[in-house]
Protein backbone atom coordinates (compact mmCIF):
# COMPACT_ATOMS: atom_id res chain seq x y z
CA MET A 1 7.25 -18.27 -19.66
CA ARG A 2 6.76 -16.06 -16.56
CA THR A 3 7.04 -12.93 -18.72
CA ASP A 4 4.32 -14.22 -21.09
CA ILE A 5 1.97 -14.96 -18.25
CA ARG A 6 2.62 -11.49 -16.79
CA ALA A 7 1.82 -9.87 -20.15
CA ILE A 8 -1.47 -11.78 -20.35
CA LEU A 9 -2.39 -10.83 -16.85
CA ASP A 10 -1.54 -7.22 -17.53
CA LEU A 11 -3.73 -7.23 -20.56
CA CYS A 12 -6.69 -8.54 -18.57
CA LYS A 13 -5.98 -6.42 -15.52
CA LEU A 14 -5.70 -3.10 -17.31
CA LYS A 15 -9.00 -3.82 -19.01
CA ILE A 16 -10.64 -3.93 -15.64
CA LEU A 17 -8.26 -1.49 -13.95
CA LEU A 18 -10.95 1.14 -13.78
CA GLY A 19 -13.16 -1.05 -11.70
CA VAL A 20 -10.67 -2.49 -9.16
CA PHE A 21 -7.78 -0.01 -8.90
CA LEU A 22 -9.87 2.39 -6.89
CA LEU A 23 -11.30 -0.37 -4.70
CA CYS A 24 -7.82 -1.86 -3.93
CA PHE A 25 -6.56 1.51 -2.70
CA SER A 26 -9.64 2.76 -0.99
CA PRO A 27 -9.57 5.61 1.49
CA VAL A 28 -9.60 3.22 4.42
CA LEU A 29 -6.22 1.92 3.13
CA LEU A 30 -4.74 5.17 1.93
CA ALA A 31 -5.32 6.78 5.32
CA ASP A 32 -2.85 4.12 6.59
CA PRO A 33 -4.46 2.83 9.79
CA TYR A 34 -1.95 -0.05 9.61
CA HIS A 35 0.92 1.91 11.12
CA TYR A 36 0.90 3.56 14.55
CA LYS A 37 3.84 5.97 14.37
CA ASN A 38 3.38 7.86 11.10
CA VAL A 39 3.97 11.22 12.88
CA LEU A 40 6.00 11.39 16.09
CA VAL A 41 4.41 13.91 18.41
CA GLY A 42 6.07 16.72 20.31
CA ASP A 43 9.62 18.10 20.17
CA ARG A 44 11.75 16.41 22.81
CA ALA A 45 9.80 13.17 22.48
CA ALA A 46 9.94 13.19 18.69
CA THR A 47 13.63 13.86 18.48
CA MET A 48 14.20 10.97 20.92
CA GLY A 49 12.47 8.61 18.59
CA GLY A 50 9.21 8.54 20.63
CA ALA A 51 10.96 6.81 23.58
CA TYR A 52 9.15 8.99 26.16
CA ASN A 53 6.87 6.87 28.32
CA ALA A 54 9.23 6.90 31.32
CA VAL A 55 9.97 10.69 30.91
CA SER A 56 6.84 12.62 29.86
CA ASP A 57 7.63 15.54 32.20
CA ASP A 58 6.16 18.22 29.92
CA SER A 59 2.80 18.83 28.27
CA THR A 60 3.36 16.02 25.73
CA GLY A 61 3.01 13.72 28.75
CA ALA A 62 -0.80 14.10 28.23
CA TYR A 63 -0.30 12.06 25.06
CA TYR A 64 2.58 9.69 26.03
CA ASN A 65 2.05 9.11 29.72
CA PRO A 66 -0.11 11.43 31.80
CA ALA A 67 1.55 10.27 35.02
CA GLY A 68 4.73 12.08 33.94
CA LEU A 69 2.97 15.45 34.33
CA SER A 70 3.62 15.26 38.09
CA PHE A 71 7.34 15.61 37.40
CA SER A 72 7.00 18.75 35.24
CA TYR A 73 8.64 22.00 36.28
CA GLY A 74 5.92 24.52 37.02
CA ASP A 75 3.21 25.78 34.66
CA SER A 76 4.06 25.72 30.94
CA LEU A 77 2.92 26.31 27.38
CA SER A 78 4.49 24.37 24.49
CA GLY A 79 3.82 23.72 20.82
CA SER A 80 5.55 22.03 17.95
CA GLY A 81 5.01 22.07 14.19
CA ASN A 82 6.22 19.96 11.33
CA ALA A 83 7.56 22.65 9.05
CA TYR A 84 7.77 20.02 6.30
CA HIS A 85 6.33 16.48 6.32
CA SER A 86 6.56 14.33 3.24
CA THR A 87 5.89 10.69 2.42
CA LYS A 88 6.72 8.88 -0.89
CA THR A 89 5.30 5.43 -1.62
CA THR A 90 6.36 3.54 -4.77
CA TYR A 91 4.56 0.47 -6.18
CA LYS A 92 7.05 -1.17 -8.51
CA GLU A 93 5.83 -1.99 -12.07
CA SER A 94 2.18 -1.75 -11.01
CA ILE A 95 1.04 -0.02 -14.23
CA ALA A 96 2.36 -2.38 -16.93
CA ASP A 97 6.16 -1.84 -16.57
CA LYS A 98 5.82 1.57 -14.92
CA ASP A 99 6.12 2.40 -11.27
CA TRP A 100 3.21 4.04 -9.47
CA VAL A 101 4.50 6.76 -7.11
CA ARG A 102 2.37 8.35 -4.40
CA ASP A 103 3.67 11.62 -2.93
CA SER A 104 2.28 13.41 0.07
CA THR A 105 3.51 16.77 1.41
CA ALA A 106 1.99 18.64 4.35
CA VAL A 107 2.83 21.57 6.60
CA LEU A 108 1.04 21.30 9.92
CA PRO A 109 1.22 21.89 13.63
CA SER A 110 1.55 18.49 15.33
CA PHE A 111 1.16 19.46 18.99
CA PHE A 112 0.07 22.20 21.34
CA GLY A 113 -0.28 21.80 25.13
CA MET A 114 -0.28 23.47 28.51
CA ILE A 115 0.18 22.41 32.13
CA LYS A 116 -1.35 24.06 35.23
CA LYS A 117 -0.48 22.89 38.72
CA ILE A 118 -3.45 23.04 41.17
CA GLY A 119 -2.71 21.83 44.64
CA SER A 120 -1.43 18.22 44.56
CA ALA A 121 -2.68 17.72 40.95
CA ASP A 122 -1.15 18.61 37.59
CA LEU A 123 -3.74 19.42 34.97
CA ALA A 124 -2.98 19.55 31.20
CA ILE A 125 -4.78 20.00 27.96
CA ALA A 126 -3.28 18.91 24.65
CA TYR A 127 -4.08 19.18 20.96
CA VAL A 128 -2.47 16.51 18.79
CA ILE A 129 -2.25 15.63 15.07
CA PRO A 130 -0.96 12.06 14.97
CA ASP A 131 -1.34 11.57 11.20
CA SER A 132 -1.79 13.76 8.15
CA ILE A 133 -1.64 13.02 4.42
CA ILE A 134 -2.13 15.47 1.50
CA GLU A 135 -1.67 14.05 -2.02
CA HIS A 136 -1.88 15.63 -5.45
CA GLN A 137 -1.07 13.63 -8.54
CA ASP A 138 -1.48 14.25 -12.29
CA GLU A 139 0.35 11.60 -14.28
CA GLN A 140 0.40 10.24 -17.81
CA TYR A 141 1.88 6.76 -18.35
CA ASP A 142 2.92 5.95 -21.92
CA ILE A 143 2.85 2.13 -21.98
CA SER A 144 2.46 1.61 -25.73
CA ASP A 145 5.86 -0.05 -25.99
CA SER A 146 5.26 -2.48 -23.12
CA HIS A 147 1.57 -3.28 -23.50
CA PRO A 148 -0.10 -5.01 -26.51
CA THR A 149 -3.37 -3.01 -26.47
CA VAL A 150 -3.04 0.10 -24.17
CA ALA A 151 -1.34 3.22 -25.41
CA ASN A 152 -1.69 5.64 -22.47
CA TYR A 153 -3.00 5.64 -18.88
CA TYR A 154 -3.93 8.98 -17.24
CA LEU A 155 -4.33 9.34 -13.46
CA SER A 156 -5.42 12.42 -11.63
CA LEU A 157 -6.07 12.38 -7.86
CA HIS A 158 -6.35 14.54 -4.80
CA SER A 159 -6.63 13.12 -1.30
CA GLU A 160 -6.47 14.55 2.19
CA ASP A 161 -6.50 12.70 5.48
CA ARG A 162 -6.08 14.22 8.86
CA THR A 163 -6.66 13.11 12.41
CA ASN A 164 -7.17 15.65 15.17
CA MET A 165 -7.11 14.85 18.86
CA ILE A 166 -7.80 17.07 21.83
CA GLY A 167 -8.32 16.31 25.49
CA PRO A 168 -7.51 16.88 29.15
CA ALA A 169 -5.13 15.02 31.45
CA ILE A 170 -4.59 14.84 35.16
CA SER A 171 -1.79 13.45 37.32
CA PHE A 172 -1.22 12.94 41.05
CA LYS A 173 2.13 12.54 42.73
CA MET A 174 1.59 9.87 45.33
CA SER A 175 5.21 10.07 46.60
CA ASP A 176 8.57 11.31 45.49
CA SER A 177 9.00 8.16 43.45
CA PHE A 178 5.50 7.28 42.28
CA SER A 179 2.68 9.02 40.31
CA ILE A 180 -0.50 8.07 38.54
CA GLY A 181 -2.36 9.87 35.74
CA ALA A 182 -5.11 9.65 33.18
CA SER A 183 -6.13 11.42 29.97
CA LEU A 184 -9.16 11.43 27.73
CA PHE A 185 -8.78 12.38 24.06
CA TYR A 186 -11.61 13.14 21.66
CA SER A 187 -10.62 12.31 18.04
CA TYR A 188 -12.02 13.57 14.75
CA ARG A 189 -10.70 12.13 11.49
CA ILE A 190 -11.72 13.52 8.03
CA TYR A 191 -10.67 11.91 4.72
CA ARG A 192 -11.51 13.29 1.26
CA HIS A 193 -10.50 11.61 -1.97
CA GLN A 194 -11.16 12.40 -5.60
CA GLN A 195 -9.65 10.29 -8.38
CA HIS A 196 -10.07 10.28 -12.20
CA GLN A 197 -8.65 7.60 -14.52
CA PHE A 198 -8.53 7.55 -18.28
CA ILE A 199 -7.32 4.69 -20.52
CA VAL A 200 -6.58 5.14 -24.20
CA TYR A 201 -6.26 2.03 -26.28
CA LYS A 202 -4.22 1.65 -29.43
CA ASP A 203 -7.44 1.27 -31.49
CA THR A 204 -8.32 4.84 -30.34
CA SER A 205 -11.14 3.65 -28.06
CA ALA A 206 -11.08 4.78 -24.43
CA ASP A 207 -12.46 4.05 -20.94
CA THR A 208 -12.77 6.43 -18.06
CA SER A 209 -13.87 6.51 -14.39
CA TYR A 210 -14.31 8.97 -11.59
CA GLU A 211 -14.60 8.45 -7.79
CA SER A 212 -15.27 10.77 -4.94
CA VAL A 213 -15.07 9.52 -1.34
CA LYS A 214 -15.53 11.22 2.07
CA LEU A 215 -14.89 9.43 5.32
CA GLU A 216 -15.72 10.98 8.76
CA GLU A 217 -14.85 9.23 11.97
CA TYR A 218 -15.37 10.21 15.61
CA SER A 219 -13.85 8.38 18.56
CA TYR A 220 -12.50 8.86 22.07
CA MET A 221 -9.38 7.38 23.74
CA PRO A 222 -8.89 7.06 27.50
CA LYS A 223 -5.40 6.38 28.73
CA ILE A 224 -4.12 5.59 32.25
CA GLY A 225 -0.50 5.48 33.30
CA ILE A 226 1.93 5.22 36.16
CA GLN A 227 5.54 6.27 36.66
CA PHE A 228 7.79 5.08 39.42
CA THR A 229 11.48 5.02 40.40
CA PRO A 230 12.55 1.77 41.95
CA PHE A 231 16.01 3.27 42.52
CA GLU A 232 18.01 6.20 41.26
CA PRO A 233 18.72 6.81 38.43
CA LEU A 234 16.19 4.38 36.88
CA TYR A 235 12.66 5.46 35.88
CA ILE A 236 9.85 3.28 34.64
CA GLY A 237 6.59 4.20 32.94
CA LEU A 238 3.56 2.05 31.98
CA THR A 239 0.38 3.05 30.15
CA ILE A 240 -2.65 1.33 28.75
CA SER A 241 -5.09 2.86 26.28
CA LYS A 242 -7.75 1.98 23.75
CA SER A 243 -9.89 4.02 21.33
CA PHE A 244 -13.61 3.53 21.15
CA LEU A 245 -15.59 4.40 18.02
CA LEU A 246 -18.50 6.86 18.27
CA SER A 247 -19.39 6.96 14.56
CA ARG A 248 -17.81 6.30 11.25
CA VAL A 249 -19.57 7.13 7.91
CA LEU A 250 -18.16 6.50 4.45
CA LYS A 251 -19.77 8.18 1.45
CA ARG A 252 -18.78 7.17 -2.10
CA ASP A 253 -19.78 8.39 -5.55
CA TYR A 254 -18.51 6.37 -8.49
CA SER A 255 -19.00 6.54 -12.30
CA LYS A 256 -17.41 4.51 -15.10
CA ILE A 257 -17.71 4.46 -18.89
CA GLU A 258 -16.28 1.28 -20.43
CA SER A 259 -16.90 0.03 -24.07
CA GLY A 260 -19.74 2.51 -24.42
CA ASP A 261 -21.54 1.27 -21.24
CA TYR A 262 -21.72 3.35 -18.15
CA THR A 263 -22.02 2.65 -14.42
CA LEU A 264 -23.22 5.05 -11.75
CA PHE A 265 -23.10 4.43 -8.06
CA ALA A 266 -23.67 6.51 -4.89
CA GLY A 267 -23.93 5.36 -1.35
CA ALA A 268 -23.23 6.05 2.31
CA TYR A 269 -22.32 3.40 4.90
CA SER A 270 -21.96 3.33 8.65
CA GLN A 271 -18.99 1.23 9.62
CA GLU A 272 -17.78 -0.43 12.77
CA VAL A 273 -14.12 -0.51 13.90
CA ASP A 274 -12.56 -2.33 16.87
CA TYR A 275 -9.36 -0.48 17.74
CA PRO A 276 -6.46 -2.35 19.31
CA ILE A 277 -5.46 -2.10 23.00
CA GLN A 278 -2.14 -0.38 23.36
CA VAL A 279 0.15 -1.26 26.27
CA SER A 280 3.41 0.71 26.52
CA LEU A 281 6.33 0.11 28.78
CA GLY A 282 9.14 2.67 29.10
CA VAL A 283 12.47 2.69 30.83
CA ALA A 284 14.75 5.72 31.28
CA ALA A 285 18.06 6.21 33.05
CA TYR A 286 20.46 9.03 33.76
CA PRO A 287 24.05 7.64 33.65
CA SER A 288 25.14 11.19 34.48
CA PRO A 289 23.36 14.48 35.11
CA SER A 290 23.85 15.53 31.52
CA LEU A 291 22.88 12.27 29.79
CA LEU A 292 19.48 10.62 29.42
CA LEU A 293 18.90 7.20 27.81
CA ALA A 294 15.38 5.86 27.20
CA MET A 295 13.58 2.86 25.64
CA ASP A 296 9.91 2.28 24.90
CA VAL A 297 8.10 -1.01 23.89
CA ASP A 298 4.63 -0.42 22.48
CA TYR A 299 2.36 -3.44 22.05
CA TYR A 300 -0.89 -3.18 20.09
CA ALA A 301 -3.21 -6.11 20.67
CA THR A 302 -5.96 -6.46 18.05
CA THR A 303 -9.03 -8.59 17.93
CA ASP A 304 -9.53 -8.04 14.22
CA GLU A 305 -9.08 -11.43 12.51
CA ASP A 306 -7.64 -9.80 9.36
CA LEU A 307 -4.90 -7.97 11.31
CA GLN A 308 -2.04 -8.93 13.56
CA SER A 309 -0.88 -7.69 16.92
CA VAL A 310 2.18 -5.50 16.53
CA THR A 311 5.15 -4.48 18.69
CA ASN A 312 7.14 -1.28 18.10
CA ILE A 313 10.39 -0.33 19.82
CA ALA A 314 11.94 3.10 20.32
CA LEU A 315 15.36 4.03 21.56
CA GLY A 316 16.32 7.60 22.43
CA GLY A 317 19.01 9.71 24.07
CA GLU A 318 19.54 13.27 25.25
CA TRP A 319 22.90 14.87 25.91
CA PHE A 320 23.18 18.39 27.57
CA LEU A 321 26.32 20.01 26.13
CA ASN A 322 25.91 22.68 28.78
CA ALA A 323 23.06 24.31 30.71
CA THR A 324 21.52 25.93 27.61
CA ASN A 325 22.21 23.52 24.73
CA ALA A 326 21.23 19.84 24.18
CA ILE A 327 21.28 17.36 21.34
CA ARG A 328 18.97 14.36 20.98
CA GLY A 329 18.69 11.25 18.82
CA GLY A 330 16.65 8.12 18.44
CA LEU A 331 15.75 5.03 16.57
CA PHE A 332 12.20 3.58 16.18
CA THR A 333 10.15 0.99 14.30
CA ASN A 334 6.78 1.53 12.67
CA ASN A 335 5.58 -1.96 11.85
CA ASP A 336 2.61 -2.89 9.73
CA ASN A 337 -0.27 -4.81 11.46
CA ARG A 338 -1.22 -6.71 8.30
CA PRO A 339 -0.04 -10.34 7.65
CA GLU A 340 2.75 -11.06 5.20
CA CYS A 341 1.72 -10.56 1.57
CA THR A 342 2.05 -13.65 -0.60
CA GLU A 343 0.33 -15.00 -3.74
CA SER A 344 -1.78 -17.28 -1.55
CA SER A 345 -2.65 -14.73 1.17
CA CYS A 346 -2.50 -10.94 0.98
CA SER A 347 -4.36 -8.16 2.71
CA GLN A 348 -3.56 -5.36 0.24
CA ALA A 349 0.02 -4.75 1.43
CA LYS A 350 2.59 -5.37 4.09
CA LEU A 351 5.27 -2.67 4.84
CA ASP A 352 7.39 -2.61 7.96
CA MET A 353 9.31 0.65 8.55
CA ALA A 354 12.17 1.87 10.72
CA GLY A 355 13.44 5.35 11.32
CA LEU A 356 15.89 7.65 12.95
CA THR A 357 15.67 11.09 14.61
CA LEU A 358 18.06 13.94 15.41
CA GLY A 359 17.40 17.21 17.16
CA TYR A 360 18.89 20.27 18.82
CA SER A 361 17.41 22.41 21.59
CA SER A 362 18.39 25.78 23.06
CA PHE A 363 17.17 26.92 26.47
CA THR A 364 16.82 30.03 28.49
CA ARG A 365 15.46 30.37 32.08
CA THR A 366 11.83 30.43 30.85
CA SER A 367 11.84 29.25 27.27
CA SER A 368 13.11 26.62 24.86
CA PHE A 369 13.48 26.20 21.08
CA THR A 370 13.93 22.88 19.20
CA LEU A 371 14.83 22.00 15.61
CA GLY A 372 14.79 18.31 14.49
CA ILE A 373 14.43 15.88 11.65
CA VAL A 374 12.67 12.46 11.51
CA TYR A 375 13.42 10.05 8.68
CA SER A 376 11.91 6.57 8.16
CA THR A 377 11.95 4.01 5.35
CA GLY A 378 10.71 0.47 4.56
CA SER A 379 9.90 -1.99 1.90
CA GLY A 380 7.39 -4.73 1.43
CA LYS A 381 4.80 -6.34 -0.89
CA ALA A 382 1.48 -5.11 -2.27
CA ASP A 383 -1.48 -6.75 -3.94
CA VAL A 384 -2.12 -4.25 -6.76
CA TYR A 385 -5.32 -5.69 -8.23
CA GLY A 386 -6.85 -7.04 -5.05
CA ASP A 387 -7.03 -10.66 -6.19
CA ARG A 388 -3.49 -11.82 -5.41
CA SER A 389 -2.65 -12.50 -9.05
CA VAL A 390 0.05 -9.83 -9.18
CA ILE A 391 2.14 -9.05 -6.09
CA VAL A 392 4.54 -6.17 -6.54
CA ASP A 393 7.32 -4.71 -4.50
CA MET A 394 6.64 -1.47 -2.64
CA GLU A 395 8.78 1.05 -0.87
CA ARG A 396 8.15 4.06 1.35
CA GLU A 397 10.18 6.98 2.57
CA SER A 398 9.08 9.61 5.06
CA PHE A 399 10.85 12.81 6.04
CA THR A 400 9.86 15.40 8.62
CA LEU A 401 11.45 18.70 9.54
CA LEU A 402 10.07 19.95 12.84
CA PHE A 403 10.42 22.98 15.07
CA ALA A 404 9.05 23.67 18.53
CA ALA A 405 8.89 26.34 21.18
CA GLY A 406 8.03 26.18 24.87
CA TYR A 407 7.48 28.69 27.69
CA ASN A 408 7.58 28.06 31.42
CA TYR A 409 6.03 30.51 33.86
C-alpha cells in the first residue's frame, strides 16, 4: 500500500517538479547557512579540529580569539590554503527511485594573516574564507522503468558560493596571565546559480525550465575576547561575537514551459537576516612541555523562530615529537540549526555532522610548514518537494586537504 501511494505521489510531484524543485533548493539553502563549521580556518587550528579559543597565539587568533594575539612570538606572516576541498551530498530516491547527488569541488586559500607588535599592543589583520562551494552537474536520469509516465529527467546546473572576510584585530596584555582583544571583520558573500531542467514523458511531450539566481550579501562582525591563566598549565579563552547585516539582495530570473504554456519571471528583493550571537569557551592545558590538549564549546543563540540554537564541540591535541616536528589531531561537530525533519514539520532538511582532523608540521627557527586533512560526515532527512509529502534520507561527506606556511621575523 505504501509503495502505491509513493508511486501516485511521484507521478504528481514530477509533473510539478519544474516549479518546486528549484524553490526547495534555493540559493539561500544551497549556500548552507545552517552549519557554522563548513571550512575550518587556519593550519594549526584546523588540524586541531578548531579547538583554538584558549590558544590563538598566532595570526589566526584574529578569527578565533583576538586576545590570544598577546601571547604570539614576535611579528609574523602566515597563510593556509585548501589544496582540495570537496563536498558530496546525496538525497536518496528523490528523483523517482534515483538518488540525487550534489558534488562540490574547490581549490582556495582559506586564510592569510599578519601580526605586528607595537608597544604594549599586538595588531593583526586577517583574510578568511569560512565557506566556499563550487558545483557543476550534468545528469540524465532514465526513470522509464520506475515511473508510469516519465521517461527521462535531465538536470544541468552550475553554482558558486563564497564568503570572504577581512578585518583588523588588536590585543592588550594586561598581565602575564590575562589579556583582552577585539576584532572587526567585514564580510562579502556572493552566490551565483544557474539551473536547467528538462522532463521527457513517455508520450514524447516535454516540459522545461531555467533559473538564474544571484545573491550578494554584505555584513560586519565584531568580536571581543579574553584569555587568562588561573593556574599553570591551564589556559581559558572566552569570546562573544555577532554579525550585522549591511545589505542583502537576491535577484532571480525564471522561465518555464509546461504543456505548451510558458511562465516568465524576473525580480530583485532586499532581504533581512538576523544572525545568531556566538559565545565560545575554550580550555587548553599542557600536561607536559611537548603535549597540548584543548577543547572548545561554541554556542550559537538565534532569535529566528524557524531555526534552533546550536552547540558545537571541538577537541584537539598537539604533540611535539622534537623541536622541529609536531603532529596534531582533533574531533569536531558541525550541527544543523534547523529543527528535526518529520512529515508533520520540516524546514527543508536536517543534517548534523561530525568530523576528524589530522596534521603534521615542520619548523625551523623562523618558518613553519603544515600539511593536514579534515574529514566530516553526517546523515539526516530532507523535504524534497517542499510540502512534507515525501521525506527522504540524505547524506553528506566533506574532505579537505590543506597546506600552510608561516614566517616569523
